[in-house]
Amino acid sequence: MAGFAVIAVNATCLGLETYSSVAAVAGPYLKLIEHLCIAGFVGELLIRFGACLNRPSSFFRDGWNIFDLAIIVAPLIPGIRENVTLLRLLRLARIVRAFRLFPSLRVILVGIRKSLPGLGSFLLITVLVIYGYAMLGWMLFGKAEPDKYGTVGQAMLSLFLLLSLDGITDILENGRDVTPWAVPYYVSYMVAACFLLTNLLVGLVLTALQEAHEAEQAASRGKQAGPPIPMEPPPVDTTAHHQIAKLREALDALESQLTVTPPTPRTPEQTLQEVVRPTAS
């Protein structure tokens, strides 16, 4: 909340500077407030960096940290420091930091970023549709309405402005006075461009927002669960190991004593002599 308060104060100062009367009276005070806001941004960044001292690389893995660092460091770079327009843009970009503070705003921003690849294909389809209808409009209304359909560029601009359906009734009536083909032309354009393409854009953005919302929920669940607790092995009892080693040595010695040496095989003559010798004696 303190970070958001600093962002709000900074944005208010930017707005007040657009009024010449306010800037003439409170210009030095606005500069002082801006410097205090910069000090607050630097302090917040140092706190976040201090929280990552045990692993400094994790600070630079967060895109928001890189964004905040660039906004604070860029005005100190020669070339940018002297450019008033770039400095104003950088000061204005500080307001975007508010997206980082609130999950709902962050979901919207991430959803817009995720929809950018799909928006490229959508824009290509839109340009092709408008270009095709612009060529037809040039053939139908090029001579009667040269200010709107005199060239393909003017026709594309007119059809692009017509996407909002502003004044479609008057445009349709004027087209009917030129050619009866104006009715199917404008009706098909409204269905293809104004309805289908608009719904396609809405579906594309909603899908990206849903994916961003699911990613934000997964990230929040991971933060609540916390990092995994490392399982340390139990301490090794050296005394028990030593006793077990002694027992094994004693067992090996006992087994060697109990081992019976197999008798030496005797021939039949030796066996007969042992039997006859006691009888003779």
Protein backbone atom coordinates (compact mmCIF):
# COMPACT_ATOMS: atom_id res chain seq x y z
CA MET A 1 0.00 0.00 0.00
CA ALA A 2 2.91 2.37 0.68
CA GLY A 3 4.30 1.65 -2.79
CA PHE A 4 0.91 2.32 -4.37
CA ALA A 5 0.62 5.59 -2.41
CA VAL A 6 3.97 6.75 -3.80
CA ILE A 7 2.85 5.84 -7.34
CA ALA A 8 -0.42 7.77 -6.86
CA VAL A 9 1.41 10.84 -5.58
CA ASN A 10 3.84 10.68 -8.50
CA ALA A 11 0.97 10.40 -11.01
CA THR A 12 -0.81 13.37 -9.39
CA CYS A 13 2.32 15.50 -9.72
CA LEU A 14 2.60 14.56 -13.38
CA GLY A 15 -0.97 15.69 -13.95
CA LEU A 16 -0.51 18.97 -12.07
CA GLU A 17 2.52 19.86 -14.17
CA THR A 18 0.29 20.04 -17.26
CA TYR A 19 -1.42 23.12 -15.80
CA SER A 20 0.79 26.12 -16.46
CA SER A 21 -0.72 28.16 -13.61
CA VAL A 22 -0.05 25.40 -11.07
CA ALA A 23 3.46 24.79 -12.42
CA ALA A 24 4.27 28.50 -12.14
CA VAL A 25 3.18 28.68 -8.51
CA ALA A 26 4.14 25.24 -7.14
CA GLY A 27 6.87 24.20 -9.57
CA PRO A 28 9.69 23.83 -6.99
CA TYR A 29 7.41 21.91 -4.64
CA LEU A 30 6.42 19.53 -7.42
CA LYS A 31 10.08 18.90 -8.18
CA LEU A 32 10.74 18.19 -4.51
CA ILE A 33 7.83 15.75 -4.37
CA GLU A 34 9.13 14.03 -7.48
CA HIS A 35 12.57 13.60 -5.93
CA LEU A 36 10.96 12.16 -2.79
CA CYS A 37 8.97 9.73 -4.95
CA ILE A 38 12.17 8.64 -6.68
CA ALA A 39 13.77 8.11 -3.26
CA GLY A 40 10.77 5.98 -2.29
CA PHE A 41 11.10 3.90 -5.47
CA VAL A 42 14.82 3.39 -4.83
CA GLY A 43 14.16 2.38 -1.23
CA GLU A 44 11.52 -0.14 -2.28
CA LEU A 45 13.87 -1.60 -4.88
CA LEU A 46 16.68 -1.90 -2.33
CA ILE A 47 14.36 -3.69 0.08
CA ARG A 48 13.35 -6.18 -2.59
CA PHE A 49 17.00 -6.70 -3.52
CA GLY A 50 17.93 -7.18 0.13
CA ALA A 51 15.33 -9.93 0.40
CA CYS A 52 17.22 -11.82 -2.34
CA LEU A 53 20.75 -11.47 -0.92
CA ASN A 54 21.01 -15.22 -0.26
CA ARG A 55 20.28 -15.77 -3.97
CA PRO A 56 20.85 -12.52 -5.94
CA SER A 57 20.08 -14.16 -9.28
CA SER A 58 16.44 -14.63 -8.23
CA PHE A 59 16.04 -10.83 -8.14
CA PHE A 60 16.86 -10.54 -11.85
CA ARG A 61 14.58 -13.45 -12.80
CA ASP A 62 11.53 -11.33 -11.96
CA GLY A 63 10.53 -9.18 -14.93
CA TRP A 64 8.95 -6.55 -12.68
CA ASN A 65 12.27 -6.03 -10.89
CA ILE A 66 14.02 -5.49 -14.21
CA PHE A 67 11.27 -3.07 -15.27
CA ASP A 68 11.54 -1.04 -12.05
CA LEU A 69 15.33 -1.00 -12.24
CA ALA A 70 15.26 0.23 -15.84
CA ILE A 71 12.82 3.04 -14.99
CA ILE A 72 15.00 4.25 -12.12
CA VAL A 73 18.39 3.89 -13.83
CA ALA A 74 17.43 5.10 -17.35
CA PRO A 75 17.18 8.83 -16.44
CA LEU A 76 20.82 8.68 -15.28
CA ILE A 77 22.10 7.48 -18.67
CA PRO A 78 23.64 10.22 -20.88
CA GLY A 79 21.50 10.90 -23.92
CA ILE A 80 18.28 10.00 -22.15
CA ARG A 81 18.92 12.46 -19.36
CA GLU A 82 18.89 15.37 -21.82
CA ASN A 83 15.81 14.21 -23.74
CA VAL A 84 12.75 15.80 -22.16
CA THR A 85 10.27 13.60 -24.04
CA LEU A 86 11.93 10.35 -22.98
CA LEU A 87 12.14 11.55 -19.39
CA ARG A 88 8.43 12.30 -19.38
CA LEU A 89 7.68 8.87 -20.83
CA LEU A 90 9.82 7.22 -18.17
CA ARG A 91 8.07 9.20 -15.45
CA LEU A 92 4.75 8.15 -16.93
CA ALA A 93 5.88 4.52 -17.04
CA ARG A 94 6.20 4.54 -13.25
CA ILE A 95 2.40 4.44 -13.09
CA VAL A 96 2.51 1.01 -14.77
CA ARG A 97 4.21 -0.29 -11.62
CA ALA A 98 0.77 -0.28 -10.01
CA PHE A 99 -0.03 -3.42 -12.04
CA ARG A 100 2.55 -5.32 -10.01
CA LEU A 101 0.89 -4.49 -6.69
CA PHE A 102 -2.60 -5.81 -7.42
CA PRO A 103 -3.21 -9.37 -8.69
CA SER A 104 -6.34 -8.37 -10.65
CA LEU A 105 -4.46 -5.71 -12.61
CA ARG A 106 -1.55 -8.08 -13.11
CA VAL A 107 -3.90 -10.70 -14.58
CA ILE A 108 -5.19 -8.15 -17.10
CA LEU A 109 -1.68 -7.12 -18.11
CA VAL A 110 -0.51 -10.72 -18.46
CA GLY A 111 -3.66 -11.57 -20.41
CA ILE A 112 -2.98 -8.75 -22.86
CA ARG A 113 0.59 -10.00 -23.28
CA LYS A 114 -0.61 -13.55 -23.90
CA SER A 115 -3.11 -12.35 -26.51
CA LEU A 116 -0.46 -10.55 -28.59
CA PRO A 117 0.51 -13.59 -30.75
CA GLY A 118 -3.14 -14.22 -31.55
CA LEU A 119 -3.73 -10.54 -32.23
CA GLY A 120 -1.20 -10.69 -35.05
CA SER A 121 -3.27 -13.29 -36.90
CA PHE A 122 -6.45 -11.37 -36.10
CA LEU A 123 -5.04 -8.15 -37.55
CA LEU A 124 -3.97 -9.98 -40.69
CA ILE A 125 -7.48 -11.37 -41.21
CA THR A 126 -9.00 -7.94 -40.52
CA VAL A 127 -6.72 -6.22 -43.04
CA LEU A 128 -7.56 -8.81 -45.70
CA VAL A 129 -11.31 -8.46 -45.13
CA ILE A 130 -11.20 -4.64 -45.14
CA TYR A 131 -8.95 -4.62 -48.22
CA GLY A 132 -11.33 -6.88 -50.13
CA TYR A 133 -14.36 -4.77 -49.26
CA ALA A 134 -12.37 -1.60 -50.01
CA MET A 135 -11.75 -2.80 -53.55
CA LEU A 136 -15.44 -3.57 -53.96
CA GLY A 137 -16.36 -0.18 -52.51
CA TRP A 138 -14.01 1.56 -54.92
CA MET A 139 -15.68 -0.21 -57.85
CA LEU A 140 -19.20 0.59 -56.58
CA PHE A 141 -18.85 4.09 -55.09
CA GLY A 142 -15.50 5.36 -56.39
CA LYS A 143 -17.01 7.86 -58.81
CA ALA A 144 -20.06 8.86 -56.75
CA GLU A 145 -18.19 9.33 -53.44
CA PRO A 146 -14.55 10.09 -54.25
CA ASP A 147 -13.88 11.55 -50.79
CA LYS A 148 -14.62 8.15 -49.17
CA TYR A 149 -13.95 5.58 -51.90
CA GLY A 150 -11.76 7.48 -54.38
CA THR A 151 -8.73 5.25 -53.67
CA VAL A 152 -8.30 1.94 -51.95
CA GLY A 153 -6.59 3.71 -49.02
CA GLN A 154 -9.53 6.09 -48.52
CA ALA A 155 -11.95 3.19 -48.84
CA MET A 156 -10.07 1.16 -46.19
CA LEU A 157 -10.10 4.14 -43.83
CA SER A 158 -13.84 4.65 -44.37
CA LEU A 159 -14.58 0.99 -43.75
CA PHE A 160 -12.38 0.96 -40.66
CA LEU A 161 -14.33 3.88 -39.21
CA LEU A 162 -17.51 2.03 -40.11
CA LEU A 163 -16.58 -0.82 -37.73
CA SER A 164 -18.21 1.17 -34.94
CA LEU A 165 -21.48 1.24 -37.00
CA ASP A 166 -21.62 5.00 -36.45
CA GLY A 167 -24.02 6.56 -39.00
CA ILE A 168 -24.62 3.26 -40.80
CA THR A 169 -28.24 4.23 -41.59
CA ASP A 170 -27.28 7.38 -43.48
CA ILE A 171 -24.42 5.60 -45.25
CA LEU A 172 -26.75 2.82 -46.37
CA GLU A 173 -29.33 5.28 -47.69
CA ASN A 174 -26.69 7.21 -49.62
CA GLY A 175 -25.35 3.97 -51.07
CA ARG A 176 -28.81 2.89 -52.25
CA ASP A 177 -29.08 6.10 -54.23
CA VAL A 178 -25.90 5.15 -56.08
CA THR A 179 -26.44 1.43 -56.74
CA PRO A 180 -28.82 -1.31 -55.55
CA TRP A 181 -25.77 -3.42 -54.70
CA ALA A 182 -25.18 -1.15 -51.69
CA VAL A 183 -27.58 -3.16 -49.51
CA PRO A 184 -25.85 -6.58 -49.86
CA TYR A 185 -22.48 -4.83 -49.76
CA TYR A 186 -23.01 -3.07 -46.43
CA VAL A 187 -25.04 -5.87 -44.87
CA SER A 188 -22.39 -8.49 -45.66
CA TYR A 189 -19.69 -6.14 -44.42
CA MET A 190 -21.51 -5.61 -41.12
CA VAL A 191 -21.90 -9.38 -40.65
CA ALA A 192 -18.33 -10.27 -41.65
CA ALA A 193 -16.37 -7.40 -40.13
CA CYS A 194 -18.49 -5.76 -37.45
CA PHE A 195 -19.96 -8.88 -35.89
CA LEU A 196 -17.76 -11.89 -36.68
CA LEU A 197 -14.39 -10.15 -36.35
CA THR A 198 -15.44 -8.29 -33.20
CA ASN A 199 -16.63 -11.50 -31.53
CA LEU A 200 -13.43 -13.21 -32.62
CA LEU A 201 -11.39 -10.48 -30.93
CA VAL A 202 -13.46 -10.71 -27.75
CA GLY A 203 -13.05 -14.50 -27.64
CA LEU A 204 -9.31 -14.20 -28.19
CA VAL A 205 -8.87 -11.73 -25.34
CA LEU A 206 -11.14 -13.69 -22.99
CA THR A 207 -9.16 -16.89 -23.62
CA ALA A 208 -5.90 -15.10 -22.87
CA LEU A 209 -7.36 -13.60 -19.68
CA GLN A 210 -8.55 -17.02 -18.56
CA GLU A 211 -5.09 -18.49 -19.08
CA ALA A 212 -3.51 -15.59 -17.19
CA HIS A 213 -6.00 -16.03 -14.33
CA GLU A 214 -5.20 -19.74 -14.07
CA ALA A 215 -1.46 -19.00 -14.10
CA GLU A 216 -1.92 -16.40 -11.34
CA GLN A 217 -3.89 -18.88 -9.23
CA ALA A 218 -1.21 -21.54 -9.70
CA ALA A 219 1.50 -19.05 -8.71
CA SER A 220 -0.44 -17.97 -5.61
CA ARG A 221 -0.95 -21.60 -4.56
CA GLY A 222 2.77 -22.19 -4.95
CA LYS A 223 3.57 -19.17 -2.77
CA GLN A 224 1.12 -20.29 -0.08
CA ALA A 225 2.58 -23.78 -0.03
CA GLY A 226 6.08 -22.36 0.34
CA PRO A 227 9.35 -23.90 -0.75
CA PRO A 228 9.83 -27.63 -0.16
CA ILE A 229 11.42 -28.47 3.19
CA PRO A 230 14.73 -30.27 2.64
CA MET A 231 14.83 -33.71 4.25
CA GLU A 232 18.15 -34.17 6.03
CA PRO A 233 19.39 -37.71 6.62
CA PRO A 234 19.45 -38.83 10.27
CA PRO A 235 22.82 -38.59 12.05
CA VAL A 236 24.99 -41.68 11.73
CA ASP A 237 25.75 -43.50 14.98
CA THR A 238 29.41 -44.47 14.65
CA THR A 239 29.32 -46.49 17.87
CA ALA A 240 26.62 -48.81 16.55
CA HIS A 241 28.54 -49.30 13.29
CA HIS A 242 31.67 -50.18 15.26
CA GLN A 243 29.78 -52.74 17.36
CA ILE A 244 28.22 -54.31 14.27
CA ALA A 245 31.68 -54.63 12.69
CA LYS A 246 32.99 -56.41 15.81
CA LEU A 247 30.04 -58.79 15.83
CA ARG A 248 30.67 -59.66 12.18
CA GLU A 249 34.34 -60.39 12.92
CA ALA A 250 33.36 -62.65 15.85
CA LEU A 251 30.80 -64.45 13.67
CA ASP A 252 33.39 -65.03 10.95
CA ALA A 253 35.85 -66.46 13.51
CA LEU A 254 33.19 -68.78 14.94
CA GLU A 255 32.25 -70.02 11.48
CA SER A 256 35.93 -70.76 10.73
CA GLN A 257 36.23 -72.83 13.97
CA LEU A 258 33.10 -74.84 13.22
CA THR A 259 34.28 -75.75 9.75
CA VAL A 260 35.11 -79.51 9.76
CA THR A 261 38.04 -80.64 7.67
CA PRO A 262 36.89 -83.52 5.44
CA PRO A 263 38.70 -86.85 6.15
CA THR A 264 41.50 -87.95 3.88
CA PRO A 265 40.34 -90.80 1.60
CA ARG A 266 41.91 -94.23 2.48
CA THR A 267 42.82 -97.09 0.19
CA PRO A 268 41.45 -100.65 0.79
CA GLU A 269 44.94 -101.94 1.86
CA GLN A 270 45.20 -99.33 4.63
CA THR A 271 41.74 -100.19 5.87
CA LEU A 272 42.57 -103.97 5.93
CA GLN A 273 45.81 -103.36 7.88
CA GLU A 274 43.96 -101.33 10.54
CA VAL A 275 41.42 -104.12 10.94
CA VAL A 276 44.01 -106.99 11.08
CA ARG A 277 46.49 -105.18 13.38
CA PRO A 278 44.26 -105.14 16.50
CA THR A 279 43.21 -108.78 15.92
CA ALA A 280 46.82 -109.96 15.71
CA SER A 281 47.79 -108.12 18.83
